[in-house]
Amino acid sequence: HCSMCHTPLNLLGAPKRSLMFTGGHVDGYYAPNLTDTLLKSVTVNQLTRVFYHDELPGGGKVQGPMAQVNHDSLVYLKPDDIRSISIYIKSLKDPRGPMAAKAGTSKAQQTYTQYCGACHDSGAAGAPKLSDNMAWAERLKQGKKTLYANAIKGYNAMPAKGNCLSCTDQDIEQTVDYILKHAATASGVKIHQIPVRATPQLSWETGQRIYDKHCSTCHNGQLLNAPQQGDVAVWEKLIKKGVETLFTHTLKGYRAMPAKGGCVTCSPLEVIASVKYLLQTSLPQSNFSLW
């Protein structure tokens, strides 16, 4: 079962069996390399906690399809079975052998290639692509310290330190610097000179108007078990699923909530604006303006 997501696919969608368990992509998320290349320093006990407690070895929570696997499937296995799976995973060797550093590459580049490139090369799970200068320019508006902290502690679907358990905080900071430098040299423009991408965003007032008219009945009226506006504990738990996930649930419908909250005339941008309004008013210590 694990190989279906954790093995790369060829152009026809068949698994590349010569690269079993070296990582793949599913539903926009990266299913990480399960071999000793990534998990060499991870213990069996840490792996069992991934399955039973949604705890990533380096910190943060399991998200995306793997969270669904845990909650809908693995939770029903006996502890001995979970431990057996973990022991088996620990026995997996990368069929390509140890990853040798290319001559002339910096440690930051090596770290990026081994731990970060799987998502930042492809854009998996909403990760900004390495060469997307404007995406990095937007994020840099928050300040380098914020980018460092997000990379070290984990952010949305990105695990702490990109799952590099042996990396120090300084290693991660240097890797972030490598990403920013690469984004700048890719276009020959210094990243702080890149104009902010003109993505269409609707005003706070629009989000509030849509929310008050279509969402507040449940989110302020305790109907259909909807999470209530301003309930910090509930929204801190929900936001761990990722902002994109909350957008998708609202646009497509989730459990008792109809698609677009029942607003058939609302555009996707109006719905997203209302979600941002709800999040910002419920988690005022966070900043959702860039979404």
C-alpha atoms as a PDB file:
ATOM      1  CA  HIS A   1       0.000   0.000   0.000  1.00  0.00           C
ATOM      2  CA  CYS A   2       2.759   2.479   0.907  1.00  0.00           C
ATOM      3  CA  SER A   3       4.573   2.082  -2.407  1.00  0.00           C
ATOM      4  CA  MET A   4       1.556   3.403  -4.332  1.00  0.00           C
ATOM      5  CA  CYS A   5       2.307   6.946  -3.151  1.00  0.00           C
ATOM      6  CA  HIS A   6       5.935   6.750  -2.044  1.00  0.00           C
ATOM      7  CA  THR A   7       7.271   5.496  -5.405  1.00  0.00           C
ATOM      8  CA  PRO A   8       7.706   7.848  -8.389  1.00  0.00           C
ATOM      9  CA  LEU A   9       5.598   7.239 -11.507  1.00  0.00           C
ATOM     10  CA  ASN A  10       6.566   7.213 -15.158  1.00  0.00           C
ATOM     11  CA  LEU A  11       4.781   9.221 -17.861  1.00  0.00           C
ATOM     12  CA  LEU A  12       2.094   6.538 -18.188  1.00  0.00           C
ATOM     13  CA  GLY A  13       1.367   6.522 -14.461  1.00  0.00           C
ATOM     14  CA  ALA A  14       3.078   3.214 -13.721  1.00  0.00           C
ATOM     15  CA  PRO A  15       5.453   2.944 -10.738  1.00  0.00           C
ATOM     16  CA  LYS A  16       9.180   3.122 -11.407  1.00  0.00           C
ATOM     17  CA  ARG A  17       9.997  -0.120  -9.626  1.00  0.00           C
ATOM     18  CA  SER A  18      13.723   0.525  -9.827  1.00  0.00           C
ATOM     19  CA  LEU A  19      13.104   3.521  -7.558  1.00  0.00           C
ATOM     20  CA  MET A  20      10.763   1.895  -5.036  1.00  0.00           C
ATOM     21  CA  PHE A  21      10.030   4.035  -1.974  1.00  0.00           C
ATOM     22  CA  THR A  22      12.219   6.949  -3.079  1.00  0.00           C
ATOM     23  CA  GLY A  23       9.321   9.417  -2.999  1.00  0.00           C
ATOM     24  CA  GLY A  24       6.368  10.423  -5.136  1.00  0.00           C
ATOM     25  CA  HIS A  25       3.548  12.931  -5.472  1.00  0.00           C
ATOM     26  CA  VAL A  26      -0.141  12.444  -4.723  1.00  0.00           C
ATOM     27  CA  ASP A  27      -3.005  14.965  -4.688  1.00  0.00           C
ATOM     28  CA  GLY A  28      -0.571  17.860  -4.780  1.00  0.00           C
ATOM     29  CA  TYR A  29       1.454  16.594  -1.816  1.00  0.00           C
ATOM     30  CA  TYR A  30       4.929  15.067  -1.717  1.00  0.00           C
ATOM     31  CA  ALA A  31       5.067  11.533  -0.355  1.00  0.00           C
ATOM     32  CA  PRO A  32       8.613  11.503   1.062  1.00  0.00           C
ATOM     33  CA  ASN A  33      11.479   9.127   0.443  1.00  0.00           C
ATOM     34  CA  LEU A  34      11.080   6.210   2.877  1.00  0.00           C
ATOM     35  CA  THR A  35      14.581   4.830   2.452  1.00  0.00           C
ATOM     36  CA  ASP A  36      17.681   5.390   4.524  1.00  0.00           C
ATOM     37  CA  THR A  37      18.453   8.472   2.435  1.00  0.00           C
ATOM     38  CA  LEU A  38      15.859  10.425   4.406  1.00  0.00           C
ATOM     39  CA  LEU A  39      15.054   8.279   7.428  1.00  0.00           C
ATOM     40  CA  LYS A  40      18.497   7.095   8.495  1.00  0.00           C
ATOM     41  CA  SER A  41      18.405   8.968  11.809  1.00  0.00           C
ATOM     42  CA  VAL A  42      14.694   8.351  12.479  1.00  0.00           C
ATOM     43  CA  THR A  43      13.947   5.709  15.104  1.00  0.00           C
ATOM     44  CA  VAL A  44      11.295   3.009  14.963  1.00  0.00           C
ATOM     45  CA  ASN A  45       9.447   4.699  17.833  1.00  0.00           C
ATOM     46  CA  GLN A  46       9.395   7.988  15.931  1.00  0.00           C
ATOM     47  CA  LEU A  47       7.902   6.224  12.921  1.00  0.00           C
ATOM     48  CA  THR A  48       5.155   4.608  15.009  1.00  0.00           C
ATOM     49  CA  ARG A  49       4.212   8.059  16.307  1.00  0.00           C
ATOM     50  CA  VAL A  50       3.868   9.251  12.710  1.00  0.00           C
ATOM     51  CA  PHE A  51       1.139   6.648  12.176  1.00  0.00           C
ATOM     52  CA  TYR A  52      -0.592   6.779  15.545  1.00  0.00           C
ATOM     53  CA  HIS A  53      -0.190  10.417  16.569  1.00  0.00           C
ATOM     54  CA  ASP A  54       0.348  12.335  13.283  1.00  0.00           C
ATOM     55  CA  GLU A  55       3.725  13.499  14.640  1.00  0.00           C
ATOM     56  CA  LEU A  56       6.453  14.108  12.070  1.00  0.00           C
ATOM     57  CA  PRO A  57       9.924  13.074  13.326  1.00  0.00           C
ATOM     58  CA  GLY A  58      11.357  16.579  13.045  1.00  0.00           C
ATOM     59  CA  GLY A  59       8.264  18.329  14.393  1.00  0.00           C
ATOM     60  CA  GLY A  60       4.927  19.337  12.968  1.00  0.00           C
ATOM     61  CA  LYS A  61       1.872  17.333  12.007  1.00  0.00           C
ATOM     62  CA  VAL A  62       1.099  14.910   9.189  1.00  0.00           C
ATOM     63  CA  GLN A  63      -1.116  16.541   6.560  1.00  0.00           C
ATOM     64  CA  GLY A  64      -2.776  15.742   3.255  1.00  0.00           C
ATOM     65  CA  PRO A  65      -3.452  12.190   2.038  1.00  0.00           C
ATOM     66  CA  MET A  66      -1.207  10.633   4.706  1.00  0.00           C
ATOM     67  CA  ALA A  67      -3.367  12.140   7.442  1.00  0.00           C
ATOM     68  CA  GLN A  68      -6.359  10.459   5.822  1.00  0.00           C
ATOM     69  CA  VAL A  69      -4.486   7.142   5.718  1.00  0.00           C
ATOM     70  CA  ASN A  70      -3.725   7.445   9.427  1.00  0.00           C
ATOM     71  CA  HIS A  71      -7.217   8.416  10.496  1.00  0.00           C
ATOM     72  CA  ASP A  72      -9.207   6.119   8.213  1.00  0.00           C
ATOM     73  CA  SER A  73      -6.977   3.060   8.034  1.00  0.00           C
ATOM     74  CA  LEU A  74      -3.834   2.664  10.142  1.00  0.00           C
ATOM     75  CA  VAL A  75      -5.588   3.656  13.356  1.00  0.00           C
ATOM     76  CA  TYR A  76      -7.341   0.280  13.235  1.00  0.00           C
ATOM     77  CA  LEU A  77      -4.129  -1.763  13.166  1.00  0.00           C
ATOM     78  CA  LYS A  78      -2.731  -3.367  16.276  1.00  0.00           C
ATOM     79  CA  PRO A  79       0.350  -1.751  17.859  1.00  0.00           C
ATOM     80  CA  ASP A  80       2.477  -4.772  16.890  1.00  0.00           C
ATOM     81  CA  ASP A  81       1.463  -4.340  13.243  1.00  0.00           C
ATOM     82  CA  ILE A  82       2.315  -0.644  13.272  1.00  0.00           C
ATOM     83  CA  ARG A  83       5.684  -1.437  14.813  1.00  0.00           C
ATOM     84  CA  SER A  84       6.303  -4.131  12.185  1.00  0.00           C
ATOM     85  CA  ILE A  85       5.602  -1.632   9.410  1.00  0.00           C
ATOM     86  CA  SER A  86       7.999   0.817  11.044  1.00  0.00           C
ATOM     87  CA  ILE A  87      10.735  -1.804  11.353  1.00  0.00           C
ATOM     88  CA  TYR A  88      10.294  -2.718   7.699  1.00  0.00           C
ATOM     89  CA  ILE A  89      10.532   0.925   6.624  1.00  0.00           C
ATOM     90  CA  LYS A  90      13.754   1.275   8.606  1.00  0.00           C
ATOM     91  CA  SER A  91      15.209  -1.621   6.590  1.00  0.00           C
ATOM     92  CA  LEU A  92      14.659   0.097   3.220  1.00  0.00           C
ATOM     93  CA  LYS A  93      17.792   1.067   1.313  1.00  0.00           C
ATOM     94  CA  ASP A  94      17.869   3.659  -1.424  1.00  0.00           C
ATOM     95  CA  PRO A  95      18.335   1.692  -4.686  1.00  0.00           C
ATOM     96  CA  ARG A  96      20.515   4.522  -5.977  1.00  0.00           C
ATOM     97  CA  GLY A  97      22.953   4.086  -3.120  1.00  0.00           C
ATOM     98  CA  PRO A  98      24.222   6.857  -0.826  1.00  0.00           C
ATOM     99  CA  MET A  99      23.719  10.311  -2.265  1.00  0.00           C
ATOM    100  CA  ALA A 100      27.174  11.625  -3.063  1.00  0.00           C
ATOM    101  CA  ALA A 101      27.667  15.359  -3.105  1.00  0.00           C
ATOM    102  CA  LYS A 102      28.631  16.745  -6.496  1.00  0.00           C
ATOM    103  CA  ALA A 103      31.979  18.459  -6.667  1.00  0.00           C
ATOM    104  CA  GLY A 104      31.752  22.191  -6.172  1.00  0.00           C
ATOM    105  CA  THR A 105      28.314  22.190  -4.546  1.00  0.00           C
ATOM    106  CA  SER A 106      27.787  23.973  -1.255  1.00  0.00           C
ATOM    107  CA  LYS A 107      26.256  22.319   1.785  1.00  0.00           C
ATOM    108  CA  ALA A 108      23.191  24.519   1.355  1.00  0.00           C
ATOM    109  CA  GLN A 109      22.725  23.297  -2.219  1.00  0.00           C
ATOM    110  CA  GLN A 110      23.174  19.688  -1.102  1.00  0.00           C
ATOM    111  CA  THR A 111      20.555  20.185   1.618  1.00  0.00           C
ATOM    112  CA  TYR A 112      18.168  21.731  -0.888  1.00  0.00           C
ATOM    113  CA  THR A 113      18.659  18.885  -3.381  1.00  0.00           C
ATOM    114  CA  GLN A 114      18.178  16.139  -0.811  1.00  0.00           C
ATOM    115  CA  TYR A 115      15.393  17.567   1.331  1.00  0.00           C
ATOM    116  CA  CYS A 116      13.742  20.579  -0.316  1.00  0.00           C
ATOM    117  CA  GLY A 117      13.818  20.035  -4.066  1.00  0.00           C
ATOM    118  CA  ALA A 118      11.059  17.419  -4.140  1.00  0.00           C
ATOM    119  CA  CYS A 119       8.477  20.101  -3.321  1.00  0.00           C
ATOM    120  CA  HIS A 120      10.149  23.357  -4.341  1.00  0.00           C
ATOM    121  CA  ASP A 121      11.116  22.057  -7.790  1.00  0.00           C
ATOM    122  CA  SER A 122       7.593  20.854  -8.586  1.00  0.00           C
ATOM    123  CA  GLY A 123       5.419  23.141  -6.477  1.00  0.00           C
ATOM    124  CA  ALA A 124       3.963  20.195  -4.552  1.00  0.00           C
ATOM    125  CA  ALA A 125       1.586  21.005  -1.680  1.00  0.00           C
ATOM    126  CA  GLY A 126       1.599  24.663  -2.640  1.00  0.00           C
ATOM    127  CA  ALA A 127       5.348  25.104  -2.125  1.00  0.00           C
ATOM    128  CA  PRO A 128       6.721  28.119  -4.041  1.00  0.00           C
ATOM    129  CA  LYS A 129       8.915  26.881  -6.883  1.00  0.00           C
ATOM    130  CA  LEU A 130      12.617  27.567  -6.639  1.00  0.00           C
ATOM    131  CA  SER A 131      12.607  29.764  -9.740  1.00  0.00           C
ATOM    132  CA  ASP A 132       9.355  31.609  -8.967  1.00  0.00           C
ATOM    133  CA  ASN A 133      10.944  34.959  -8.188  1.00  0.00           C
ATOM    134  CA  MET A 134       7.705  36.784  -7.535  1.00  0.00           C
ATOM    135  CA  ALA A 135       6.474  34.154  -5.083  1.00  0.00           C
ATOM    136  CA  TRP A 136       9.666  34.528  -3.061  1.00  0.00           C
ATOM    137  CA  ALA A 137       9.499  38.307  -3.298  1.00  0.00           C
ATOM    138  CA  GLU A 138       6.050  38.231  -1.710  1.00  0.00           C
ATOM    139  CA  ARG A 139       7.215  35.997   1.102  1.00  0.00           C
ATOM    140  CA  LEU A 140      10.326  38.056   1.665  1.00  0.00           C
ATOM    141  CA  LYS A 141       8.064  40.974   2.569  1.00  0.00           C
ATOM    142  CA  GLN A 142       7.533  39.162   5.884  1.00  0.00           C
ATOM    143  CA  GLY A 143      11.249  39.406   6.552  1.00  0.00           C
ATOM    144  CA  LYS A 144      14.042  36.854   6.376  1.00  0.00           C
ATOM    145  CA  LYS A 145      13.610  35.959  10.035  1.00  0.00           C
ATOM    146  CA  THR A 146      10.071  34.798   9.324  1.00  0.00           C
ATOM    147  CA  LEU A 147      11.224  32.673   6.377  1.00  0.00           C
ATOM    148  CA  TYR A 148      13.950  31.173   8.556  1.00  0.00           C
ATOM    149  CA  ALA A 149      11.465  30.417  11.351  1.00  0.00           C
ATOM    150  CA  ASN A 150       8.950  28.835   8.953  1.00  0.00           C
ATOM    151  CA  ALA A 151      11.628  26.594   7.440  1.00  0.00           C
ATOM    152  CA  ILE A 152      13.003  25.580  10.834  1.00  0.00           C
ATOM    153  CA  LYS A 153       9.707  25.015  12.634  1.00  0.00           C
ATOM    154  CA  GLY A 154       7.595  23.922   9.658  1.00  0.00           C
ATOM    155  CA  TYR A 155       4.774  25.774   7.947  1.00  0.00           C
ATOM    156  CA  ASN A 156       1.516  24.483   6.455  1.00  0.00           C
ATOM    157  CA  ALA A 157       2.422  21.240   4.641  1.00  0.00           C
ATOM    158  CA  MET A 158       6.185  21.791   5.017  1.00  0.00           C
ATOM    159  CA  PRO A 159       7.638  19.704   7.861  1.00  0.00           C
ATOM    160  CA  ALA A 160      10.140  21.174  10.276  1.00  0.00           C
ATOM    161  CA  LYS A 161      13.533  21.559   8.592  1.00  0.00           C
ATOM    162  CA  GLY A 162      12.132  19.801   5.534  1.00  0.00           C
ATOM    163  CA  ASN A 163      12.591  16.529   7.452  1.00  0.00           C
ATOM    164  CA  CYS A 164      16.353  17.055   7.672  1.00  0.00           C
ATOM    165  CA  LEU A 165      16.738  15.877  11.256  1.00  0.00           C
ATOM    166  CA  SER A 166      20.514  16.224  11.171  1.00  0.00           C
ATOM    167  CA  CYS A 167      20.388  19.844   9.978  1.00  0.00           C
ATOM    168  CA  THR A 168      21.121  22.644  12.402  1.00  0.00           C
ATOM    169  CA  ASP A 169      19.152  25.870  12.416  1.00  0.00           C
ATOM    170  CA  GLN A 170      22.127  27.505  10.714  1.00  0.00           C
ATOM    171  CA  ASP A 171      22.088  24.853   7.972  1.00  0.00           C
ATOM    172  CA  ILE A 172      18.450  25.643   7.263  1.00  0.00           C
ATOM    173  CA  GLU A 173      19.052  29.390   7.253  1.00  0.00           C
ATOM    174  CA  GLN A 174      21.864  28.942   4.739  1.00  0.00           C
ATOM    175  CA  THR A 175      19.580  26.790   2.599  1.00  0.00           C
ATOM    176  CA  VAL A 176      16.919  29.516   2.637  1.00  0.00           C
ATOM    177  CA  ASP A 177      19.616  31.978   1.568  1.00  0.00           C
ATOM    178  CA  TYR A 178      20.542  29.600  -1.260  1.00  0.00           C
ATOM    179  CA  ILE A 179      16.917  29.519  -2.429  1.00  0.00           C
ATOM    180  CA  LEU A 180      16.629  33.303  -2.368  1.00  0.00           C
ATOM    181  CA  LYS A 181      19.928  33.726  -4.190  1.00  0.00           C
ATOM    182  CA  HIS A 182      18.908  31.190  -6.835  1.00  0.00           C
ATOM    183  CA  ALA A 183      15.566  32.949  -7.342  1.00  0.00           C
ATOM    184  CA  ALA A 184      17.386  36.235  -7.845  1.00  0.00           C
ATOM    185  CA  THR A 185      20.061  34.953 -10.240  1.00  0.00           C
ATOM    186  CA  ALA A 186      17.503  33.046 -12.305  1.00  0.00           C
ATOM    187  CA  SER A 187      16.208  36.355 -13.638  1.00  0.00           C
ATOM    188  CA  GLY A 188      19.219  38.568 -13.060  1.00  0.00           C
ATOM    189  CA  VAL A 189      17.122  40.795 -10.803  1.00  0.00           C
ATOM    190  CA  LYS A 190      17.701  41.251  -7.096  1.00  0.00           C
ATOM    191  CA  ILE A 191      14.796  39.673  -5.310  1.00  0.00           C
ATOM    192  CA  HIS A 192      13.952  42.798  -3.289  1.00  0.00           C
ATOM    193  CA  GLN A 193      13.538  44.666  -6.595  1.00  0.00           C
ATOM    194  CA  ILE A 194      10.945  42.259  -7.965  1.00  0.00           C
ATOM    195  CA  PRO A 195       7.458  43.786  -7.892  1.00  0.00           C
ATOM    196  CA  VAL A 196       4.838  42.004  -5.857  1.00  0.00           C
ATOM    197  CA  ARG A 197       2.807  39.657  -8.055  1.00  0.00           C
ATOM    198  CA  ALA A 198      -0.491  41.188  -9.042  1.00  0.00           C
ATOM    199  CA  THR A 199      -2.691  38.286  -8.034  1.00  0.00           C
ATOM    200  CA  PRO A 200      -6.361  39.221  -7.909  1.00  0.00           C
ATOM    201  CA  GLN A 201      -7.350  39.704  -4.281  1.00  0.00           C
ATOM    202  CA  LEU A 202     -10.601  41.078  -2.975  1.00  0.00           C
ATOM    203  CA  SER A 203     -10.886  43.556  -0.158  1.00  0.00           C
ATOM    204  CA  TRP A 204     -11.425  42.863   3.520  1.00  0.00           C
ATOM    205  CA  GLU A 205     -14.841  44.517   3.193  1.00  0.00           C
ATOM    206  CA  THR A 206     -15.844  42.067   0.436  1.00  0.00           C
ATOM    207  CA  GLY A 207     -14.801  39.111   2.558  1.00  0.00           C
ATOM    208  CA  GLN A 208     -16.757  40.454   5.522  1.00  0.00           C
ATOM    209  CA  ARG A 209     -19.838  41.092   3.368  1.00  0.00           C
ATOM    210  CA  ILE A 210     -19.837  37.546   1.952  1.00  0.00           C
ATOM    211  CA  TYR A 211     -19.186  36.095   5.392  1.00  0.00           C
ATOM    212  CA  ASP A 212     -21.971  38.059   7.096  1.00  0.00           C
ATOM    213  CA  LYS A 213     -24.493  37.149   4.402  1.00  0.00           C
ATOM    214  CA  HIS A 214     -23.687  33.479   3.775  1.00  0.00           C
ATOM    215  CA  CYS A 215     -21.407  32.083   6.488  1.00  0.00           C
ATOM    216  CA  SER A 216     -22.259  33.732   9.799  1.00  0.00           C
ATOM    217  CA  THR A 217     -25.527  31.834  10.220  1.00  0.00           C
ATOM    218  CA  CYS A 218     -23.583  28.676  11.013  1.00  0.00           C
ATOM    219  CA  HIS A 219     -20.200  30.020  12.125  1.00  0.00           C
ATOM    220  CA  ASN A 220     -21.778  32.425  14.608  1.00  0.00           C
ATOM    221  CA  GLY A 221     -24.969  30.534  15.295  1.00  0.00           C
ATOM    222  CA  GLN A 222     -23.572  27.167  16.374  1.00  0.00           C
ATOM    223  CA  LEU A 223     -25.419  25.379  13.577  1.00  0.00           C
ATOM    224  CA  LEU A 224     -24.388  22.123  11.844  1.00  0.00           C
ATOM    225  CA  ASN A 225     -21.440  21.792  14.237  1.00  0.00           C
ATOM    226  CA  ALA A 226     -19.633  24.593  12.375  1.00  0.00           C
ATOM    227  CA  PRO A 227     -16.440  25.916  14.034  1.00  0.00           C
ATOM    228  CA  GLN A 228     -17.330  29.227  15.614  1.00  0.00           C
ATOM    229  CA  GLN A 229     -15.783  32.545  14.644  1.00  0.00           C
ATOM    230  CA  GLY A 230     -13.235  33.615  17.254  1.00  0.00           C
ATOM    231  CA  ASP A 231     -12.745  30.138  18.740  1.00  0.00           C
ATOM    232  CA  VAL A 232      -8.944  30.289  18.752  1.00  0.00           C
ATOM    233  CA  ALA A 233      -8.357  26.708  19.923  1.00  0.00           C
ATOM    234  CA  VAL A 234     -10.550  25.215  17.189  1.00  0.00           C
ATOM    235  CA  TRP A 235      -9.109  27.342  14.379  1.00  0.00           C
ATOM    236  CA  GLU A 236      -5.511  26.739  15.497  1.00  0.00           C
ATOM    237  CA  LYS A 237      -6.246  23.037  15.093  1.00  0.00           C
ATOM    238  CA  LEU A 238      -7.970  23.466  11.721  1.00  0.00           C
ATOM    239  CA  ILE A 239      -5.265  25.723  10.272  1.00  0.00           C
ATOM    240  CA  LYS A 240      -2.741  22.901  10.700  1.00  0.00           C
ATOM    241  CA  LYS A 241      -4.440  21.245   7.737  1.00  0.00           C
ATOM    242  CA  GLY A 242      -3.216  24.132   5.602  1.00  0.00           C
ATOM    243  CA  VAL A 243      -4.932  27.261   4.324  1.00  0.00           C
ATOM    244  CA  GLU A 244      -5.307  25.699   0.866  1.00  0.00           C
ATOM    245  CA  THR A 245      -7.223  22.796   2.409  1.00  0.00           C
ATOM    246  CA  LEU A 246      -9.655  25.165   4.115  1.00  0.00           C
ATOM    247  CA  PHE A 247     -10.150  27.034   0.830  1.00  0.00           C
ATOM    248  CA  THR A 248     -10.851  23.737  -0.976  1.00  0.00           C
ATOM    249  CA  HIS A 249     -13.291  22.526   1.683  1.00  0.00           C
ATOM    250  CA  THR A 250     -15.228  25.782   1.469  1.00  0.00           C
ATOM    251  CA  LEU A 251     -15.279  25.897  -2.322  1.00  0.00           C
ATOM    252  CA  LYS A 252     -16.234  22.249  -2.824  1.00  0.00           C
ATOM    253  CA  GLY A 253     -18.208  21.628   0.351  1.00  0.00           C
ATOM    254  CA  TYR A 254     -17.206  19.634   3.398  1.00  0.00           C
ATOM    255  CA  ARG A 255     -19.379  17.450   5.614  1.00  0.00           C
ATOM    256  CA  ALA A 256     -22.553  19.446   6.360  1.00  0.00           C
ATOM    257  CA  MET A 257     -21.244  22.613   4.684  1.00  0.00           C
ATOM    258  CA  PRO A 258     -22.441  22.990   1.080  1.00  0.00           C
ATOM    259  CA  ALA A 259     -20.138  24.136  -1.713  1.00  0.00           C
ATOM    260  CA  LYS A 260     -19.336  27.854  -1.392  1.00  0.00           C
ATOM    261  CA  GLY A 261     -21.272  27.899   1.861  1.00  0.00           C
ATOM    262  CA  GLY A 262     -24.451  27.778  -0.205  1.00  0.00           C
ATOM    263  CA  CYS A 263     -23.684  31.002  -2.118  1.00  0.00           C
ATOM    264  CA  VAL A 264     -24.338  29.870  -5.695  1.00  0.00           C
ATOM    265  CA  THR A 265     -23.653  33.340  -7.098  1.00  0.00           C
ATOM    266  CA  CYS A 266     -20.309  33.842  -5.302  1.00  0.00           C
ATOM    267  CA  SER A 267     -17.115  33.648  -7.331  1.00  0.00           C
ATOM    268  CA  PRO A 268     -14.217  31.515  -6.022  1.00  0.00           C
ATOM    269  CA  LEU A 269     -12.319  34.717  -5.138  1.00  0.00           C
ATOM    270  CA  GLU A 270     -15.263  35.994  -3.083  1.00  0.00           C
ATOM    271  CA  VAL A 271     -15.439  32.690  -1.203  1.00  0.00           C
ATOM    272  CA  ILE A 272     -11.686  32.774  -0.542  1.00  0.00           C
ATOM    273  CA  ALA A 273     -11.999  36.364   0.687  1.00  0.00           C
ATOM    274  CA  SER A 274     -14.682  35.293   3.161  1.00  0.00           C
ATOM    275  CA  VAL A 275     -12.497  32.416   4.425  1.00  0.00           C
ATOM    276  CA  LYS A 276      -9.566  34.818   4.895  1.00  0.00           C
ATOM    277  CA  TYR A 277     -11.852  37.169   6.815  1.00  0.00           C
ATOM    278  CA  LEU A 278     -13.020  34.336   9.084  1.00  0.00           C
ATOM    279  CA  LEU A 279      -9.460  33.134   9.679  1.00  0.00           C
ATOM    280  CA  GLN A 280      -8.082  36.608  10.360  1.00  0.00           C
ATOM    281  CA  THR A 281     -10.841  37.463  12.840  1.00  0.00           C
ATOM    282  CA  SER A 282     -10.463  34.101  14.571  1.00  0.00           C
ATOM    283  CA  LEU A 283      -6.647  34.061  14.631  1.00  0.00           C
ATOM    284  CA  PRO A 284      -5.703  37.766  14.857  1.00  0.00           C
ATOM    285  CA  GLN A 285      -2.097  36.917  15.767  1.00  0.00           C
ATOM    286  CA  SER A 286      -1.587  35.440  12.289  1.00  0.00           C
ATOM    287  CA  ASN A 287      -1.407  37.195   8.903  1.00  0.00           C
ATOM    288  CA  PHE A 288      -3.481  35.828   6.052  1.00  0.00           C
ATOM    289  CA  SER A 289      -3.087  38.820   3.751  1.00  0.00           C
ATOM    290  CA  LEU A 290      -0.665  37.014   1.415  1.00  0.00           C
ATOM    291  CA  TRP A 291      -3.064  34.169   0.649  1.00  0.00           C
END
